[in-house]
PDB file of N, CA and C in Angstrom:
ATOM      1  N   MET A   1      -7.302   9.179  -2.006  1.00  0.00           N
ATOM      2  CA  MET A   1      -6.369   8.333  -1.291  1.00  0.00           C
ATOM      3  C   MET A   1      -6.939   8.059   0.093  1.00  0.00           C
ATOM      4  N   ALA A   2      -6.760   6.817   0.519  1.00  0.00           N
ATOM      5  CA  ALA A   2      -7.116   6.418   1.881  1.00  0.00           C
ATOM      6  C   ALA A   2      -5.877   5.813   2.531  1.00  0.00           C
ATOM      7  N   ILE A   3      -5.696   6.118   3.799  1.00  0.00           N
ATOM      8  CA  ILE A   3      -4.564   5.576   4.544  1.00  0.00           C
ATOM      9  C   ILE A   3      -4.956   4.202   5.083  1.00  0.00           C
ATOM     10  N   VAL A   4      -4.090   3.225   4.839  1.00  0.00           N
ATOM     11  CA  VAL A   4      -4.334   1.860   5.286  1.00  0.00           C
ATOM     12  C   VAL A   4      -3.203   1.483   6.228  1.00  0.00           C
ATOM     13  N   LYS A   5      -3.541   1.156   7.450  1.00  0.00           N
ATOM     14  CA  LYS A   5      -2.540   0.785   8.451  1.00  0.00           C
ATOM     15  C   LYS A   5      -2.575  -0.715   8.651  1.00  0.00           C
ATOM     16  N   ALA A   6      -1.416  -1.331   8.678  1.00  0.00           N
ATOM     17  CA  ALA A   6      -1.338  -2.777   8.835  1.00  0.00           C
ATOM     18  C   ALA A   6      -1.954  -3.213  10.161  1.00  0.00           C
ATOM     19  N   PHE A   7      -3.044  -3.930  10.094  1.00  0.00           N
ATOM     20  CA  PHE A   7      -3.756  -4.505  11.230  1.00  0.00           C
ATOM     21  C   PHE A   7      -4.131  -3.476  12.300  1.00  0.00           C
ATOM     22  N   ALA A   8      -4.424  -2.254  11.885  1.00  0.00           N
ATOM     23  CA  ALA A   8      -4.814  -1.215  12.836  1.00  0.00           C
ATOM     24  C   ALA A   8      -6.166  -1.534  13.464  1.00  0.00           C
ATOM     25  N   TYR A   9      -6.211  -1.517  14.750  1.00  0.00           N
ATOM     26  CA  TYR A   9      -7.447  -1.736  15.511  1.00  0.00           C
ATOM     27  C   TYR A   9      -8.142  -3.029  15.110  1.00  0.00           C
ATOM     28  N   GLY A  10      -7.378  -4.028  14.712  1.00  0.00           N
ATOM     29  CA  GLY A  10      -7.947  -5.328  14.395  1.00  0.00           C
ATOM     30  C   GLY A  10      -8.538  -5.452  13.005  1.00  0.00           C
ATOM     31  N   THR A  11      -8.324  -4.462  12.149  1.00  0.00           N
ATOM     32  CA  THR A  11      -8.833  -4.561  10.780  1.00  0.00           C
ATOM     33  C   THR A  11      -7.879  -5.372   9.922  1.00  0.00           C
ATOM     34  N   ASP A  12      -8.380  -5.902   8.866  1.00  0.00           N
ATOM     35  CA  ASP A  12      -7.570  -6.649   7.903  1.00  0.00           C
ATOM     36  C   ASP A  12      -7.248  -5.698   6.752  1.00  0.00           C
ATOM     37  N   GLU A  13      -5.988  -5.275   6.658  1.00  0.00           N
ATOM     38  CA  GLU A  13      -5.617  -4.250   5.673  1.00  0.00           C
ATOM     39  C   GLU A  13      -5.879  -4.691   4.238  1.00  0.00           C
ATOM     40  N   VAL A  14      -5.756  -5.963   3.935  1.00  0.00           N
ATOM     41  CA  VAL A  14      -6.024  -6.440   2.577  1.00  0.00           C
ATOM     42  C   VAL A  14      -7.520  -6.355   2.283  1.00  0.00           C
ATOM     43  N   ARG A  15      -8.307  -6.823   3.215  1.00  0.00           N
ATOM     44  CA  ARG A  15      -9.771  -6.777   3.035  1.00  0.00           C
ATOM     45  C   ARG A  15     -10.259  -5.333   2.912  1.00  0.00           C
ATOM     46  N   ILE A  16      -9.749  -4.450   3.777  1.00  0.00           N
ATOM     47  CA  ILE A  16     -10.121  -3.038   3.719  1.00  0.00           C
ATOM     48  C   ILE A  16      -9.691  -2.434   2.385  1.00  0.00           C
ATOM     49  N   SER A  17      -8.482  -2.758   1.919  1.00  0.00           N
ATOM     50  CA  SER A  17      -7.979  -2.212   0.651  1.00  0.00           C
ATOM     51  C   SER A  17      -8.851  -2.629  -0.521  1.00  0.00           C
ATOM     52  N   LYS A  18      -9.251  -3.891  -0.539  1.00  0.00           N
ATOM     53  CA  LYS A  18     -10.109  -4.369  -1.633  1.00  0.00           C
ATOM     54  C   LYS A  18     -11.496  -3.734  -1.555  1.00  0.00           C
ATOM     55  N   PHE A  19     -12.001  -3.534  -0.339  1.00  0.00           N
ATOM     56  CA  PHE A  19     -13.274  -2.829  -0.182  1.00  0.00           C
ATOM     57  C   PHE A  19     -13.154  -1.391  -0.693  1.00  0.00           C
ATOM     58  N   LEU A  20     -12.064  -0.719  -0.314  1.00  0.00           N
ATOM     59  CA  LEU A  20     -11.858   0.664  -0.769  1.00  0.00           C
ATOM     60  C   LEU A  20     -11.758   0.743  -2.289  1.00  0.00           C
ATOM     61  N   ASN A  21     -11.165  -0.278  -2.908  1.00  0.00           N
ATOM     62  CA  ASN A  21     -11.098  -0.330  -4.367  1.00  0.00           C
ATOM     63  C   ASN A  21     -12.503  -0.365  -4.957  1.00  0.00           C
ATOM     64  N   SER A  22     -13.391  -1.135  -4.351  1.00  0.00           N
ATOM     65  CA  SER A  22     -14.769  -1.219  -4.854  1.00  0.00           C
ATOM     66  C   SER A  22     -15.515   0.095  -4.665  1.00  0.00           C
ATOM     67  N   CYS A  23     -15.016   0.944  -3.776  1.00  0.00           N
ATOM     68  CA  CYS A  23     -15.617   2.266  -3.545  1.00  0.00           C
ATOM     69  C   CYS A  23     -14.985   3.347  -4.424  1.00  0.00           C
ATOM     70  N   GLY A  24     -14.017   2.967  -5.245  1.00  0.00           N
ATOM     71  CA  GLY A  24     -13.385   3.920  -6.143  1.00  0.00           C
ATOM     72  C   GLY A  24     -12.106   4.557  -5.628  1.00  0.00           C
ATOM     73  N   VAL A  25     -11.621   4.127  -4.480  1.00  0.00           N
ATOM     74  CA  VAL A  25     -10.350   4.663  -3.955  1.00  0.00           C
ATOM     75  C   VAL A  25      -9.216   4.048  -4.760  1.00  0.00           C
ATOM     76  N   ASP A  26      -8.445   4.899  -5.450  1.00  0.00           N
ATOM     77  CA  ASP A  26      -7.421   4.378  -6.359  1.00  0.00           C
ATOM     78  C   ASP A  26      -5.990   4.509  -5.843  1.00  0.00           C
ATOM     79  N   ILE A  27      -5.804   5.127  -4.681  1.00  0.00           N
ATOM     80  CA  ILE A  27      -4.478   5.244  -4.078  1.00  0.00           C
ATOM     81  C   ILE A  27      -4.602   4.880  -2.602  1.00  0.00           C
ATOM     82  N   LEU A  28      -3.669   4.054  -2.130  1.00  0.00           N
ATOM     83  CA  LEU A  28      -3.622   3.681  -0.722  1.00  0.00           C
ATOM     84  C   LEU A  28      -2.347   4.235  -0.105  1.00  0.00           C
ATOM     85  N   GLY A  29      -2.469   4.836   1.050  1.00  0.00           N
ATOM     86  CA  GLY A  29      -1.315   5.342   1.766  1.00  0.00           C
ATOM     87  C   GLY A  29      -0.898   4.377   2.863  1.00  0.00           C
ATOM     88  N   VAL A  30       0.396   4.119   2.956  1.00  0.00           N
ATOM     89  CA  VAL A  30       0.953   3.264   4.000  1.00  0.00           C
ATOM     90  C   VAL A  30       2.120   3.995   4.658  1.00  0.00           C
ATOM     91  N   SER A  31       2.518   3.508   5.810  1.00  0.00           N
ATOM     92  CA  SER A  31       3.639   4.129   6.516  1.00  0.00           C
ATOM     93  C   SER A  31       4.989   3.637   6.008  1.00  0.00           C
ATOM     94  N   HIS A  32       5.079   2.343   5.760  1.00  0.00           N
ATOM     95  CA  HIS A  32       6.367   1.744   5.431  1.00  0.00           C
ATOM     96  C   HIS A  32       6.280   0.911   4.149  1.00  0.00           C
ATOM     97  N   VAL A  33       7.394   0.783   3.464  1.00  0.00           N
ATOM     98  CA  VAL A  33       7.454   0.047   2.200  1.00  0.00           C
ATOM     99  C   VAL A  33       6.943  -1.379   2.374  1.00  0.00           C
ATOM    100  N   GLU A  34       7.331  -2.045   3.444  1.00  0.00           N
ATOM    101  CA  GLU A  34       6.894  -3.431   3.649  1.00  0.00           C
ATOM    102  C   GLU A  34       5.380  -3.562   3.730  1.00  0.00           C
ATOM    103  N   GLU A  35       4.701  -2.556   4.286  1.00  0.00           N
ATOM    104  CA  GLU A  35       3.232  -2.596   4.330  1.00  0.00           C
ATOM    105  C   GLU A  35       2.663  -2.580   2.913  1.00  0.00           C
ATOM    106  N   GLY A  36       3.227  -1.751   2.062  1.00  0.00           N
ATOM    107  CA  GLY A  36       2.773  -1.696   0.676  1.00  0.00           C
ATOM    108  C   GLY A  36       3.082  -2.967  -0.086  1.00  0.00           C
ATOM    109  N   VAL A  37       4.253  -3.532   0.157  1.00  0.00           N
ATOM    110  CA  VAL A  37       4.633  -4.781  -0.506  1.00  0.00           C
ATOM    111  C   VAL A  37       3.677  -5.898  -0.108  1.00  0.00           C
ATOM    112  N   SER A  38       3.320  -5.977   1.161  1.00  0.00           N
ATOM    113  CA  SER A  38       2.401  -7.028   1.590  1.00  0.00           C
ATOM    114  C   SER A  38       1.035  -6.868   0.935  1.00  0.00           C
ATOM    115  N   LEU A  39       0.597  -5.641   0.711  1.00  0.00           N
ATOM    116  CA  LEU A  39      -0.668  -5.417  -0.002  1.00  0.00           C
ATOM    117  C   LEU A  39      -0.558  -5.895  -1.447  1.00  0.00           C
ATOM    118  N   LYS A  40       0.530  -5.559  -2.106  1.00  0.00           N
ATOM    119  CA  LYS A  40       0.723  -5.977  -3.496  1.00  0.00           C
ATOM    120  C   LYS A  40       0.813  -7.493  -3.604  1.00  0.00           C
ATOM    121  N   ARG A  41       1.503  -8.138  -2.669  1.00  0.00           N
ATOM    122  CA  ARG A  41       1.594  -9.606  -2.665  1.00  0.00           C
ATOM    123  C   ARG A  41       0.220 -10.247  -2.534  1.00  0.00           C
ATOM    124  N   ALA A  42      -0.689  -9.565  -1.842  1.00  0.00           N
ATOM    125  CA  ALA A  42      -2.036 -10.086  -1.629  1.00  0.00           C
ATOM    126  C   ALA A  42      -2.973  -9.785  -2.800  1.00  0.00           C
ATOM    127  N   GLY A  43      -2.445  -9.102  -3.827  1.00  0.00           N
ATOM    128  CA  GLY A  43      -3.256  -8.843  -5.013  1.00  0.00           C
ATOM    129  C   GLY A  43      -3.977  -7.514  -5.041  1.00  0.00           C
ATOM    130  N   VAL A  44      -3.638  -6.619  -4.127  1.00  0.00           N
ATOM    131  CA  VAL A  44      -4.258  -5.291  -4.127  1.00  0.00           C
ATOM    132  C   VAL A  44      -3.761  -4.527  -5.348  1.00  0.00           C
ATOM    133  N   SER A  45      -4.689  -3.896  -6.081  1.00  0.00           N
ATOM    134  CA  SER A  45      -4.326  -3.291  -7.365  1.00  0.00           C
ATOM    135  C   SER A  45      -4.113  -1.779  -7.325  1.00  0.00           C
ATOM    136  N   GLN A  46      -4.516  -1.114  -6.264  1.00  0.00           N
ATOM    137  CA  GLN A  46      -4.379   0.333  -6.222  1.00  0.00           C
ATOM    138  C   GLN A  46      -2.909   0.764  -6.162  1.00  0.00           C
ATOM    139  N   ALA A  47      -2.687   2.010  -6.542  1.00  0.00           N
ATOM    140  CA  ALA A  47      -1.357   2.605  -6.398  1.00  0.00           C
ATOM    141  C   ALA A  47      -1.068   2.762  -4.906  1.00  0.00           C
ATOM    142  N   ILE A  48       0.203   2.725  -4.558  1.00  0.00           N
ATOM    143  CA  ILE A  48       0.627   2.829  -3.161  1.00  0.00           C
ATOM    144  C   ILE A  48       1.413   4.114  -2.952  1.00  0.00           C
ATOM    145  N   PHE A  49       1.046   4.852  -1.913  1.00  0.00           N
ATOM    146  CA  PHE A  49       1.797   6.026  -1.474  1.00  0.00           C
ATOM    147  C   PHE A  49       2.432   5.668  -0.138  1.00  0.00           C
ATOM    148  N   CYS A  50       3.752   5.750  -0.071  1.00  0.00           N
ATOM    149  CA  CYS A  50       4.470   5.386   1.143  1.00  0.00           C
ATOM    150  C   CYS A  50       5.004   6.650   1.821  1.00  0.00           C
ATOM    151  N   ASP A  51       4.600   6.855   3.058  1.00  0.00           N
ATOM    152  CA  ASP A  51       4.957   8.066   3.790  1.00  0.00           C
ATOM    153  C   ASP A  51       6.396   8.049   4.294  1.00  0.00           C
ATOM    154  N   GLN A  52       6.882   6.900   4.730  1.00  0.00           N
ATOM    155  CA  GLN A  52       8.226   6.822   5.307  1.00  0.00           C
ATOM    156  C   GLN A  52       9.030   5.759   4.574  1.00  0.00           C
ATOM    157  N   HIS A  53      10.030   6.194   3.854  1.00  0.00           N
ATOM    158  CA  HIS A  53      10.859   5.239   3.127  1.00  0.00           C
ATOM    159  C   HIS A  53      12.299   5.732   3.102  1.00  0.00           C
ATOM    160  N   ALA A  54      13.193   4.796   2.969  1.00  0.00           N
ATOM    161  CA  ALA A  54      14.620   5.109   2.916  1.00  0.00           C
ATOM    162  C   ALA A  54      15.113   4.921   1.488  1.00  0.00           C
ATOM    163  N   PRO A  55      16.181   5.611   1.106  1.00  0.00           N
ATOM    164  CA  PRO A  55      16.705   5.469  -0.254  1.00  0.00           C
ATOM    165  C   PRO A  55      17.009   4.024  -0.650  1.00  0.00           C
ATOM    166  N   TYR A  56      17.462   3.202   0.294  1.00  0.00           N
ATOM    167  CA  TYR A  56      17.794   1.811  -0.046  1.00  0.00           C
ATOM    168  C   TYR A  56      16.554   0.969  -0.352  1.00  0.00           C
ATOM    169  N   GLU A  57      15.357   1.481  -0.077  1.00  0.00           N
ATOM    170  CA  GLU A  57      14.129   0.738  -0.346  1.00  0.00           C
ATOM    171  C   GLU A  57      13.538   1.032  -1.732  1.00  0.00           C
ATOM    172  N   VAL A  58      14.146   1.934  -2.467  1.00  0.00           N
ATOM    173  CA  VAL A  58      13.634   2.325  -3.779  1.00  0.00           C
ATOM    174  C   VAL A  58      13.546   1.130  -4.724  1.00  0.00           C
ATOM    175  N   ALA A  59      14.582   0.307  -4.760  1.00  0.00           N
ATOM    176  CA  ALA A  59      14.580  -0.847  -5.668  1.00  0.00           C
ATOM    177  C   ALA A  59      13.413  -1.783  -5.363  1.00  0.00           C
ATOM    178  N   LYS A  60      13.111  -1.986  -4.102  1.00  0.00           N
ATOM    179  CA  LYS A  60      11.990  -2.848  -3.716  1.00  0.00           C
ATOM    180  C   LYS A  60      10.668  -2.254  -4.198  1.00  0.00           C
ATOM    181  N   ALA A  61      10.507  -0.959  -4.048  1.00  0.00           N
ATOM    182  CA  ALA A  61       9.282  -0.295  -4.494  1.00  0.00           C
ATOM    183  C   ALA A  61       9.124  -0.387  -6.009  1.00  0.00           C
ATOM    184  N   VAL A  62      10.198  -0.164  -6.734  1.00  0.00           N
ATOM    185  CA  VAL A  62      10.154  -0.244  -8.197  1.00  0.00           C
ATOM    186  C   VAL A  62       9.812  -1.663  -8.645  1.00  0.00           C
ATOM    187  N   LYS A  63      10.376  -2.653  -7.969  1.00  0.00           N
ATOM    188  CA  LYS A  63      10.093  -4.054  -8.298  1.00  0.00           C
ATOM    189  C   LYS A  63       8.599  -4.341  -8.255  1.00  0.00           C
ATOM    190  N   TRP A  64       7.895  -3.717  -7.340  1.00  0.00           N
ATOM    191  CA  TRP A  64       6.463  -3.948  -7.187  1.00  0.00           C
ATOM    192  C   TRP A  64       5.620  -2.976  -8.010  1.00  0.00           C
ATOM    193  N   GLY A  65       6.253  -2.210  -8.889  1.00  0.00           N
ATOM    194  CA  GLY A  65       5.519  -1.366  -9.831  1.00  0.00           C
ATOM    195  C   GLY A  65       5.078  -0.027  -9.298  1.00  0.00           C
ATOM    196  N   TRP A  66       5.682   0.424  -8.210  1.00  0.00           N
ATOM    197  CA  TRP A  66       5.299   1.724  -7.681  1.00  0.00           C
ATOM    198  C   TRP A  66       5.911   2.815  -8.535  1.00  0.00           C
ATOM    199  N   LYS A  67       5.178   3.890  -8.707  1.00  0.00           N
ATOM    200  CA  LYS A  67       5.695   5.059  -9.399  1.00  0.00           C
ATOM    201  C   LYS A  67       6.276   5.995  -8.351  1.00  0.00           C
ATOM    202  N   LEU A  68       7.545   6.292  -8.480  1.00  0.00           N
ATOM    203  CA  LEU A  68       8.221   7.134  -7.505  1.00  0.00           C
ATOM    204  C   LEU A  68       8.216   8.572  -7.984  1.00  0.00           C
ATOM    205  N   ARG A  69       7.970   9.455  -7.060  1.00  0.00           N
ATOM    206  CA  ARG A  69       7.939  10.888  -7.393  1.00  0.00           C
ATOM    207  C   ARG A  69       8.830  11.652  -6.451  1.00  0.00           C
TER     208      ARG A  69
END
């Protein structure tokens, strides 16, 4: 797993995520559900691990195919 921060230090989180996929990273960690959703909307295929989420955001995560644990 690699942590991907939305636009951290001027990086492009989608570009970094796709690069990490080519390196074999199969799980991406994000801080908030919306960060993960934006990655999925951009076509990122890795699984998403969300560090901070609220119970009301579960439906949104499930809609985007996240496996909740």
